[in-house]
Amino acid sequence: MTTFPKATIEGYPRIGANRKLKRALESYWAGRIDADTFRSTSRALRVNNYNHLRDLGLTEDYAIPADVALYDQVLDTALTVGLVPGGVDLDEEFALARGNDTRVPLEMTKWFDTNYHHLVPELAPDCAFDGGVNWWLDEVDEARALGHRVKAVLLGPLSFLWLSKSHGAHAGFDRLSLLPRAVQAYRRLLQGLRQRGVAWVQIDEPALCLDLPADWLAAFQPAYDELAADLRGSGTKLM
């Protein structure tokens, strides 16, 4: 029988009071602050959020969600699972979001039926899901170094593929065919959590709230059986 944490929350607003993260981001884009100042501001917001959740009572057997994104959680997921080979730095991430002199920005669309928006990753049949940035695991390390027991949070592979698109010569190819490769990328991330002794990881699959095609629904159980098998006996549990 799985014992769940005594207290947890699904997520927490990462933008800060008075939209502090948004204001810092816009100041960085406008050149009014440099990258180090922007990173320092975002770190201070994360630390304040962790401390606030601890002070609200998530203190003993608890799980603070480590689900921070500097701009967009779907874009951060794409970079974390290695959709862009070789990884990117901060400016390259924002170029994907906003475009620059040499590239057009990723499409933006509504997050399901809300008024929030997300960037749309672009897929091709040869996407390898290899490598990726370490920001997510770095933020887990940051919280743990401050004495917090975190519950790491990820957008799940099925929803990630569902929210993505393909363009040009690859338009209309079967995105679900990439699920085995995506699962391998998630397994690498779970291995990183195991090595850090993280007790809980929350993987969100909001696409399951939709009327998905039968093949997408059928793909869910085998994918999660594979992810759960990696964690069996490790002390890290899936939520």
Protein backbone atom coordinates (compact mmCIF):
# COMPACT_ATOMS: atom_id res chain seq x y z
CA MET A 1 0.00 0.00 0.00
CA THR A 2 1.39 3.42 -0.98
CA THR A 3 1.54 6.00 1.81
CA PHE A 4 1.10 9.51 0.51
CA PRO A 5 2.68 12.59 2.11
CA LYS A 6 0.67 14.02 5.00
CA ALA A 7 0.48 17.33 3.20
CA THR A 8 1.15 18.46 -0.34
CA ILE A 9 -0.22 20.77 -3.01
CA GLU A 10 -0.32 20.22 -6.75
CA GLY A 11 1.51 23.43 -7.56
CA TYR A 12 2.15 26.98 -6.46
CA PRO A 13 2.18 30.29 -8.36
CA ARG A 14 5.78 30.87 -9.41
CA ILE A 15 5.37 34.48 -10.58
CA GLY A 16 5.63 35.98 -7.08
CA ALA A 17 3.86 38.89 -5.43
CA ASN A 18 3.02 41.77 -7.76
CA ARG A 19 4.15 39.65 -10.74
CA LYS A 20 7.76 40.07 -9.70
CA LEU A 21 9.11 37.35 -12.02
CA LYS A 22 7.22 38.81 -15.00
CA ARG A 23 8.55 42.29 -14.26
CA ALA A 24 12.11 41.00 -13.94
CA LEU A 25 11.76 39.05 -17.20
CA GLU A 26 10.51 42.10 -19.07
CA SER A 27 13.34 44.19 -17.61
CA TYR A 28 15.87 41.61 -18.80
CA TRP A 29 14.37 41.52 -22.28
CA ALA A 30 14.46 45.33 -22.40
CA GLY A 31 18.12 45.41 -21.34
CA ARG A 32 17.45 47.21 -18.06
CA ILE A 33 18.97 44.35 -16.01
CA ASP A 34 21.57 41.73 -16.92
CA ALA A 35 21.27 37.93 -16.87
CA ASP A 36 22.87 37.58 -13.43
CA THR A 37 20.37 40.02 -11.90
CA PHE A 38 17.49 38.19 -13.55
CA ARG A 39 18.75 34.81 -12.27
CA SER A 40 19.22 36.26 -8.79
CA THR A 41 15.66 37.60 -8.77
CA SER A 42 14.17 34.30 -9.92
CA ARG A 43 16.19 32.38 -7.31
CA ALA A 44 15.02 34.71 -4.54
CA LEU A 45 11.41 34.07 -5.60
CA ARG A 46 11.92 30.30 -5.50
CA VAL A 47 13.51 30.47 -2.05
CA ASN A 48 10.71 32.69 -0.74
CA ASN A 49 8.08 30.31 -2.11
CA TYR A 50 9.75 27.28 -0.51
CA ASN A 51 10.04 29.04 2.83
CA HIS A 52 6.45 30.27 2.67
CA LEU A 53 5.10 26.77 2.00
CA ARG A 54 7.19 25.41 4.86
CA ASP A 55 5.86 28.11 7.17
CA LEU A 56 2.29 27.22 6.19
CA GLY A 57 2.82 23.81 7.74
CA LEU A 58 4.46 21.60 5.13
CA THR A 59 7.16 20.75 7.64
CA GLU A 60 7.42 17.11 8.70
CA ASP A 61 6.18 14.60 6.17
CA TYR A 62 5.62 17.03 3.35
CA ALA A 63 6.29 17.68 -0.29
CA ILE A 64 6.95 21.17 -1.66
CA PRO A 65 6.49 21.18 -5.43
CA ALA A 66 9.64 21.93 -7.42
CA ASP A 67 7.90 22.99 -10.62
CA VAL A 68 9.55 26.29 -11.44
CA ALA A 69 9.66 27.67 -14.98
CA LEU A 70 11.28 30.97 -15.94
CA TYR A 71 8.79 31.58 -18.73
CA ASP A 72 6.74 28.59 -19.90
CA GLN A 73 6.44 25.11 -18.41
CA VAL A 74 5.89 23.33 -21.73
CA LEU A 75 8.98 24.95 -23.24
CA ASP A 76 10.99 24.08 -20.12
CA THR A 77 9.77 20.48 -20.38
CA ALA A 78 10.88 20.35 -24.02
CA LEU A 79 14.36 21.57 -23.08
CA THR A 80 14.57 19.27 -20.05
CA VAL A 81 13.79 16.11 -22.03
CA GLY A 82 16.27 17.03 -24.75
CA LEU A 83 13.99 18.05 -27.60
CA VAL A 84 16.63 20.61 -28.64
CA PRO A 85 19.90 18.67 -29.17
CA GLY A 86 22.84 19.92 -27.15
CA GLY A 87 20.79 22.06 -24.79
CA VAL A 88 20.41 25.84 -24.76
CA ASP A 89 21.33 28.79 -22.59
CA LEU A 90 19.01 31.46 -21.21
CA ASP A 91 19.03 33.68 -24.30
CA GLU A 92 18.50 30.72 -26.62
CA GLU A 93 15.48 29.64 -24.56
CA PHE A 94 13.96 33.08 -24.89
CA ALA A 95 14.75 33.12 -28.61
CA LEU A 96 12.58 30.01 -28.93
CA ALA A 97 9.82 31.87 -27.09
CA ARG A 98 10.11 35.29 -28.71
CA GLY A 99 12.10 34.81 -31.90
CA ASN A 100 15.09 36.90 -32.98
CA ASP A 101 16.82 38.07 -36.15
CA THR A 102 17.47 34.49 -37.31
CA ARG A 103 14.47 32.48 -36.12
CA VAL A 104 10.72 32.76 -35.74
CA PRO A 105 9.20 32.09 -32.30
CA LEU A 106 7.37 28.92 -31.43
CA GLU A 107 3.61 29.04 -31.81
CA MET A 108 1.62 29.98 -28.72
CA THR A 109 -1.81 28.56 -27.92
CA LYS A 110 -4.25 28.27 -25.03
CA TRP A 111 -3.54 25.86 -22.20
CA PHE A 112 -6.52 23.53 -22.69
CA ASP A 113 -9.72 25.53 -22.02
CA THR A 114 -8.18 28.27 -19.88
CA ASN A 115 -7.12 31.82 -20.72
CA TYR A 116 -3.48 30.92 -20.01
CA HIS A 117 -1.17 30.18 -22.91
CA HIS A 118 1.79 27.93 -23.58
CA LEU A 119 4.40 27.57 -26.29
CA VAL A 120 3.98 24.67 -28.70
CA PRO A 121 7.05 22.41 -29.14
CA GLU A 122 7.80 21.33 -32.69
CA LEU A 123 8.29 17.61 -33.32
CA ALA A 124 9.78 15.62 -36.18
CA PRO A 125 10.06 11.85 -36.68
CA ASP A 126 13.80 11.95 -35.91
CA CYS A 127 13.48 13.69 -32.51
CA ALA A 128 15.92 11.80 -30.29
CA PHE A 129 15.04 13.21 -26.83
CA ASP A 130 18.73 13.00 -26.03
CA GLY A 131 20.63 15.25 -23.65
CA GLY A 132 18.74 18.28 -22.44
CA VAL A 133 19.36 21.03 -19.90
CA ASN A 134 19.85 20.32 -16.19
CA TRP A 135 17.84 23.25 -14.85
CA TRP A 136 15.07 21.12 -13.35
CA LEU A 137 17.44 18.87 -11.40
CA ASP A 138 19.50 21.93 -10.44
CA GLU A 139 16.40 23.47 -8.87
CA VAL A 140 15.72 20.25 -6.99
CA ASP A 141 19.31 20.42 -5.69
CA GLU A 142 18.83 24.07 -4.76
CA ALA A 143 15.74 23.35 -2.65
CA ARG A 144 17.32 20.34 -0.97
CA ALA A 145 20.45 22.34 -0.14
CA LEU A 146 18.17 24.79 1.71
CA GLY A 147 16.81 21.95 3.82
CA HIS A 148 13.52 21.39 1.99
CA ARG A 149 12.09 18.01 1.09
CA VAL A 150 10.73 18.58 -2.37
CA LYS A 151 8.22 16.83 -4.57
CA ALA A 152 9.58 17.20 -8.08
CA VAL A 153 6.89 18.02 -10.67
CA LEU A 154 6.92 17.32 -14.41
CA LEU A 155 4.47 17.58 -17.28
CA GLY A 156 3.98 13.97 -18.36
CA PRO A 157 5.19 12.49 -21.65
CA LEU A 158 1.73 11.78 -23.05
CA SER A 159 0.48 15.33 -22.46
CA PHE A 160 3.75 16.79 -23.72
CA LEU A 161 3.43 14.97 -27.03
CA TRP A 162 -0.27 15.83 -27.28
CA LEU A 163 0.42 19.54 -26.78
CA SER A 164 3.19 19.54 -29.42
CA LYS A 165 2.84 19.90 -33.18
CA SER A 166 4.68 19.11 -36.40
CA HIS A 167 5.12 21.42 -39.34
CA GLY A 168 6.20 21.50 -42.96
CA ALA A 169 7.28 18.19 -44.43
CA HIS A 170 6.53 16.45 -41.12
CA ALA A 171 3.03 17.83 -40.68
CA GLY A 172 0.57 15.19 -39.59
CA PHE A 173 3.05 12.45 -38.65
CA ASP A 174 2.10 10.26 -35.69
CA ARG A 175 3.42 12.14 -32.64
CA LEU A 176 2.52 9.18 -30.44
CA SER A 177 5.23 7.17 -32.22
CA LEU A 178 7.76 9.24 -30.26
CA LEU A 179 6.42 8.08 -26.88
CA PRO A 180 9.02 5.28 -26.36
CA ARG A 181 11.86 7.79 -26.85
CA ALA A 182 10.16 10.33 -24.61
CA VAL A 183 9.71 7.71 -21.88
CA GLN A 184 13.45 6.98 -22.02
CA ALA A 185 14.15 10.67 -21.43
CA TYR A 186 11.79 10.67 -18.44
CA ARG A 187 13.50 7.57 -17.11
CA ARG A 188 16.81 9.43 -17.14
CA LEU A 189 15.23 12.24 -15.13
CA LEU A 190 13.76 9.79 -12.63
CA GLN A 191 17.18 8.23 -12.26
CA GLY A 192 18.51 11.68 -11.32
CA LEU A 193 15.83 11.98 -8.64
CA ARG A 194 16.63 8.53 -7.28
CA GLN A 195 20.29 9.46 -6.98
CA ARG A 196 19.27 12.55 -5.01
CA GLY A 197 17.03 10.62 -2.65
CA VAL A 198 13.87 12.49 -3.68
CA ALA A 199 10.88 10.68 -2.17
CA TRP A 200 8.13 11.88 -4.51
CA VAL A 201 7.78 12.92 -8.14
CA GLN A 202 4.47 14.24 -9.46
CA ILE A 203 3.91 13.67 -13.18
CA ASP A 204 0.91 15.54 -14.53
CA GLU A 205 -1.11 14.26 -17.47
CA PRO A 206 -3.83 16.89 -18.03
CA ALA A 207 -4.44 15.54 -21.55
CA LEU A 208 -6.27 12.62 -19.92
CA CYS A 209 -9.12 15.05 -19.22
CA LEU A 210 -9.79 15.18 -22.96
CA ASP A 211 -11.57 12.71 -25.22
CA LEU A 212 -8.32 11.26 -26.52
CA PRO A 213 -8.15 8.82 -29.43
CA ALA A 214 -8.13 5.17 -28.40
CA ASP A 215 -4.46 4.63 -29.26
CA TRP A 216 -3.39 7.52 -27.02
CA LEU A 217 -5.45 6.18 -24.13
CA ALA A 218 -4.06 2.69 -24.65
CA ALA A 219 -0.50 4.04 -24.57
CA PHE A 220 -0.83 5.49 -21.07
CA GLN A 221 -0.67 2.31 -18.97
CA PRO A 222 2.39 0.70 -20.65
CA ALA A 223 4.31 3.97 -20.46
CA TYR A 224 3.64 4.39 -16.75
CA ASP A 225 4.25 0.73 -16.01
CA GLU A 226 7.73 1.28 -17.45
CA LEU A 227 8.32 4.45 -15.43
CA ALA A 228 7.04 2.87 -12.22
CA ALA A 229 9.20 -0.23 -12.71
CA ASP A 230 12.30 1.97 -12.67
CA LEU A 231 11.35 3.31 -9.25
CA ARG A 232 10.29 0.05 -7.63
CA GLY A 233 12.21 -0.46 -4.40
CA SER A 234 14.15 2.79 -4.81
CA GLY A 235 12.37 4.96 -2.24
CA THR A 236 11.17 7.35 -4.96
CA LYS A 237 7.44 7.16 -5.68
CA LEU A 238 5.22 8.40 -8.49
CA MET A 239 2.26 10.62 -7.69
